[in-house]
């Protein structure tokens, strides 16, 4: 039996999803899940907009993983997958105004308000270590 394109893509994308979910980051796949979780998330929330691009694999996901090893981390950890879970990603991005859509990107929210944003252009030319350092500084500032 031939594998469908959707099934093939799902199999190709799953390891990219697993890079974050194995860290304890909750995947939000629908707009309803985004609204439900964001509305209920008191305190601080990290939201990773995942992507299939090379900078997501080489810098963004490893940078997030390294940052989450820090003593101080957000209360809630979420991810949406740009290009895969399009409606969920669009809903999450509504919370990131005035920043334009960007993937990958990393948002830090406190009580539902955006307090720190790392856009794609701040990911693609930096190392995972630099991204982790940026995040840990934001964690120390907003997650105490």
C-alpha atoms as a PDB file:
ATOM      1  CA  UNK A   1       0.000   0.000   0.000  1.00  0.00           C
ATOM      2  CA  UNK A   2       1.393   3.390  -0.998  1.00  0.00           C
ATOM      3  CA  UNK A   3       1.957   5.995   1.688  1.00  0.00           C
ATOM      4  CA  UNK A   4      -0.066   9.182   1.200  1.00  0.00           C
ATOM      5  CA  UNK A   5       1.711  12.512   0.987  1.00  0.00           C
ATOM      6  CA  UNK A   6       0.055  13.631   4.246  1.00  0.00           C
ATOM      7  CA  UNK A   7       1.203  10.477   6.009  1.00  0.00           C
ATOM      8  CA  UNK A   8       4.716  10.895   4.592  1.00  0.00           C
ATOM      9  CA  UNK A   9       4.871  14.510   5.753  1.00  0.00           C
ATOM     10  CA  UNK A  10       3.524  13.573   9.199  1.00  0.00           C
ATOM     11  CA  UNK A  11       6.294  10.974   9.533  1.00  0.00           C
ATOM     12  CA  UNK A  12       8.926  13.498   8.398  1.00  0.00           C
ATOM     13  CA  UNK A  13       7.670  16.212  10.762  1.00  0.00           C
ATOM     14  CA  UNK A  14       7.196  14.052  13.881  1.00  0.00           C
ATOM     15  CA  UNK A  15      10.876  14.140  14.980  1.00  0.00           C
ATOM     16  CA  UNK A  16      10.744  17.956  14.757  1.00  0.00           C
ATOM     17  CA  UNK A  17       7.698  17.925  17.033  1.00  0.00           C
ATOM     18  CA  UNK A  18       9.392  15.416  19.366  1.00  0.00           C
ATOM     19  CA  UNK A  19      12.424  17.721  19.794  1.00  0.00           C
ATOM     20  CA  UNK A  20      10.157  19.986  21.848  1.00  0.00           C
ATOM     21  CA  UNK A  21       7.532  17.671  23.339  1.00  0.00           C
ATOM     22  CA  UNK A  22      10.210  15.458  24.916  1.00  0.00           C
ATOM     23  CA  UNK A  23      11.269  18.570  26.872  1.00  0.00           C
ATOM     24  CA  UNK A  24       7.804  18.731  28.427  1.00  0.00           C
ATOM     25  CA  UNK A  25       6.526  21.379  26.015  1.00  0.00           C
ATOM     26  CA  UNK A  26       2.822  20.956  25.325  1.00  0.00           C
ATOM     27  CA  UNK A  27       1.854  20.970  21.680  1.00  0.00           C
ATOM     28  CA  UNK A  28      -1.220  23.026  20.789  1.00  0.00           C
ATOM     29  CA  UNK A  29      -2.732  21.739  17.545  1.00  0.00           C
ATOM     30  CA  UNK A  30      -5.998  23.718  17.280  1.00  0.00           C
ATOM     31  CA  UNK A  31      -7.033  27.354  17.785  1.00  0.00           C
ATOM     32  CA  UNK A  32      -9.328  26.183  20.580  1.00  0.00           C
ATOM     33  CA  UNK A  33      -6.407  24.578  22.436  1.00  0.00           C
ATOM     34  CA  UNK A  34      -4.397  27.799  22.068  1.00  0.00           C
ATOM     35  CA  UNK A  35      -7.182  29.949  23.530  1.00  0.00           C
ATOM     36  CA  UNK A  36      -7.975  27.457  26.295  1.00  0.00           C
ATOM     37  CA  UNK A  37      -4.342  27.061  27.394  1.00  0.00           C
ATOM     38  CA  UNK A  38      -3.324  30.716  27.017  1.00  0.00           C
ATOM     39  CA  UNK A  39      -6.400  31.896  28.943  1.00  0.00           C
ATOM     40  CA  UNK A  40      -5.735  29.421  31.760  1.00  0.00           C
ATOM     41  CA  UNK A  41      -1.968  30.043  31.912  1.00  0.00           C
ATOM     42  CA  UNK A  42      -1.364  32.204  34.960  1.00  0.00           C
ATOM     43  CA  UNK A  43       2.224  33.287  35.477  1.00  0.00           C
ATOM     44  CA  UNK A  44       4.723  32.885  32.664  1.00  0.00           C
ATOM     45  CA  UNK A  45       4.422  30.912  29.425  1.00  0.00           C
ATOM     46  CA  UNK A  46       7.038  30.106  26.804  1.00  0.00           C
ATOM     47  CA  UNK A  47       5.562  29.657  23.334  1.00  0.00           C
ATOM     48  CA  UNK A  48       7.794  28.191  20.621  1.00  0.00           C
ATOM     49  CA  UNK A  49       6.618  28.611  17.030  1.00  0.00           C
ATOM     50  CA  UNK A  50       8.239  25.520  15.530  1.00  0.00           C
ATOM     51  CA  UNK A  51       9.186  25.193  11.870  1.00  0.00           C
ATOM     52  CA  UNK A  52      10.729  22.760   9.405  1.00  0.00           C
ATOM     53  CA  UNK A  53      13.507  25.171   8.439  1.00  0.00           C
ATOM     54  CA  UNK A  54      17.159  24.589   9.162  1.00  0.00           C
ATOM     55  CA  UNK A  55      17.432  27.390  11.714  1.00  0.00           C
ATOM     56  CA  UNK A  56      14.651  25.749  13.756  1.00  0.00           C
ATOM     57  CA  UNK A  57      16.637  22.507  13.829  1.00  0.00           C
ATOM     58  CA  UNK A  58      20.099  24.010  14.257  1.00  0.00           C
ATOM     59  CA  UNK A  59      19.470  26.955  16.545  1.00  0.00           C
ATOM     60  CA  UNK A  60      15.896  27.393  17.796  1.00  0.00           C
ATOM     61  CA  UNK A  61      14.996  23.971  19.224  1.00  0.00           C
ATOM     62  CA  UNK A  62      18.499  23.360  20.682  1.00  0.00           C
ATOM     63  CA  UNK A  63      18.519  26.882  22.138  1.00  0.00           C
ATOM     64  CA  UNK A  64      15.164  26.295  23.827  1.00  0.00           C
ATOM     65  CA  UNK A  65      16.353  22.940  25.180  1.00  0.00           C
ATOM     66  CA  UNK A  66      19.488  24.530  26.638  1.00  0.00           C
ATOM     67  CA  UNK A  67      17.511  27.430  28.163  1.00  0.00           C
ATOM     68  CA  UNK A  68      15.132  25.011  29.880  1.00  0.00           C
ATOM     69  CA  UNK A  69      18.092  23.541  31.789  1.00  0.00           C
ATOM     70  CA  UNK A  70      18.308  26.886  33.668  1.00  0.00           C
ATOM     71  CA  UNK A  71      17.271  27.111  37.332  1.00  0.00           C
ATOM     72  CA  UNK A  72      14.496  29.588  36.515  1.00  0.00           C
ATOM     73  CA  UNK A  73      12.031  28.602  33.788  1.00  0.00           C
ATOM     74  CA  UNK A  74       8.497  29.603  32.778  1.00  0.00           C
ATOM     75  CA  UNK A  75       5.453  28.118  34.502  1.00  0.00           C
ATOM     76  CA  UNK A  76       3.982  26.844  31.221  1.00  0.00           C
ATOM     77  CA  UNK A  77       5.606  25.554  28.031  1.00  0.00           C
ATOM     78  CA  UNK A  78       3.725  25.512  24.712  1.00  0.00           C
ATOM     79  CA  UNK A  79       4.489  25.017  21.039  1.00  0.00           C
ATOM     80  CA  UNK A  80       2.627  25.485  17.776  1.00  0.00           C
ATOM     81  CA  UNK A  81       3.932  24.259  14.419  1.00  0.00           C
ATOM     82  CA  UNK A  82       3.964  26.823  11.600  1.00  0.00           C
ATOM     83  CA  UNK A  83       3.003  25.386   8.231  1.00  0.00           C
ATOM     84  CA  UNK A  84       1.544  22.263   9.859  1.00  0.00           C
ATOM     85  CA  UNK A  85      -1.018  23.376  12.422  1.00  0.00           C
ATOM     86  CA  UNK A  86      -1.824  26.581  10.563  1.00  0.00           C
ATOM     87  CA  UNK A  87      -4.969  27.620  12.433  1.00  0.00           C
ATOM     88  CA  UNK A  88      -3.377  27.051  15.861  1.00  0.00           C
ATOM     89  CA  UNK A  89      -0.291  29.009  14.782  1.00  0.00           C
ATOM     90  CA  UNK A  90      -2.413  31.881  13.467  1.00  0.00           C
ATOM     91  CA  UNK A  91      -4.335  32.023  16.760  1.00  0.00           C
ATOM     92  CA  UNK A  92      -1.120  32.002  18.826  1.00  0.00           C
ATOM     93  CA  UNK A  93       0.318  34.796  16.680  1.00  0.00           C
ATOM     94  CA  UNK A  94      -2.659  37.012  17.583  1.00  0.00           C
ATOM     95  CA  UNK A  95      -1.142  37.168  21.085  1.00  0.00           C
ATOM     96  CA  UNK A  96       2.240  38.302  19.715  1.00  0.00           C
ATOM     97  CA  UNK A  97       1.160  41.668  18.266  1.00  0.00           C
ATOM     98  CA  UNK A  98       2.700  43.959  17.175  1.00  0.00           C
ATOM     99  CA  UNK A  99       5.286  41.436  15.937  1.00  0.00           C
ATOM    100  CA  UNK A 100       4.695  40.124  12.396  1.00  0.00           C
ATOM    101  CA  UNK A 101       4.373  36.376  11.780  1.00  0.00           C
ATOM    102  CA  UNK A 102       7.785  34.747  12.042  1.00  0.00           C
ATOM    103  CA  UNK A 103       8.846  31.130  12.176  1.00  0.00           C
ATOM    104  CA  UNK A 104      10.601  29.891  14.004  1.00  0.00           C
ATOM    105  CA  UNK A 105      10.096  32.334  16.841  1.00  0.00           C
ATOM    106  CA  UNK A 106       9.938  32.234  20.619  1.00  0.00           C
ATOM    107  CA  UNK A 107       7.557  34.249  22.772  1.00  0.00           C
ATOM    108  CA  UNK A 108       7.551  34.721  26.530  1.00  0.00           C
ATOM    109  CA  UNK A 109       4.225  35.757  28.004  1.00  0.00           C
ATOM    110  CA  UNK A 110       3.310  36.785  31.528  1.00  0.00           C
ATOM    111  CA  UNK A 111      -0.338  36.576  32.580  1.00  0.00           C
ATOM    112  CA  UNK A 112      -1.353  36.525  28.910  1.00  0.00           C
ATOM    113  CA  UNK A 113       0.736  39.547  27.886  1.00  0.00           C
ATOM    114  CA  UNK A 114       3.768  39.318  25.592  1.00  0.00           C
ATOM    115  CA  UNK A 115       6.895  40.388  27.514  1.00  0.00           C
ATOM    116  CA  UNK A 116       9.759  39.063  25.318  1.00  0.00           C
ATOM    117  CA  UNK A 117       9.973  38.011  21.669  1.00  0.00           C
ATOM    118  CA  UNK A 118      12.715  36.365  19.638  1.00  0.00           C
ATOM    119  CA  UNK A 119      11.949  36.564  15.927  1.00  0.00           C
ATOM    120  CA  UNK A 120      13.351  34.453  13.104  1.00  0.00           C
ATOM    121  CA  UNK A 121      15.923  37.114  12.150  1.00  0.00           C
ATOM    122  CA  UNK A 122      17.219  36.901  15.750  1.00  0.00           C
ATOM    123  CA  UNK A 123      17.497  33.109  15.443  1.00  0.00           C
ATOM    124  CA  UNK A 124      18.953  32.412  12.023  1.00  0.00           C
ATOM    125  CA  UNK A 125      22.254  34.250  12.516  1.00  0.00           C
ATOM    126  CA  UNK A 126      22.868  33.247  16.150  1.00  0.00           C
ATOM    127  CA  UNK A 127      24.012  30.059  17.825  1.00  0.00           C
ATOM    128  CA  UNK A 128      21.850  27.858  20.049  1.00  0.00           C
ATOM    129  CA  UNK A 129      23.986  29.071  22.975  1.00  0.00           C
ATOM    130  CA  UNK A 130      23.258  32.728  22.160  1.00  0.00           C
ATOM    131  CA  UNK A 131      19.535  32.012  21.918  1.00  0.00           C
ATOM    132  CA  UNK A 132      19.645  30.115  25.222  1.00  0.00           C
ATOM    133  CA  UNK A 133      21.463  33.046  26.857  1.00  0.00           C
ATOM    134  CA  UNK A 134      18.821  35.473  25.545  1.00  0.00           C
ATOM    135  CA  UNK A 135      16.053  33.234  26.908  1.00  0.00           C
ATOM    136  CA  UNK A 136      17.640  32.666  30.303  1.00  0.00           C
ATOM    137  CA  UNK A 137      18.049  36.429  30.750  1.00  0.00           C
ATOM    138  CA  UNK A 138      14.342  36.828  29.966  1.00  0.00           C
ATOM    139  CA  UNK A 139      13.498  33.967  32.376  1.00  0.00           C
ATOM    140  CA  UNK A 140      15.454  35.694  35.138  1.00  0.00           C
ATOM    141  CA  UNK A 141      13.719  38.980  34.463  1.00  0.00           C
ATOM    142  CA  UNK A 142      10.123  37.761  34.101  1.00  0.00           C
ATOM    143  CA  UNK A 143       9.852  34.295  35.705  1.00  0.00           C
ATOM    144  CA  UNK A 144      10.788  35.051  39.325  1.00  0.00           C
END
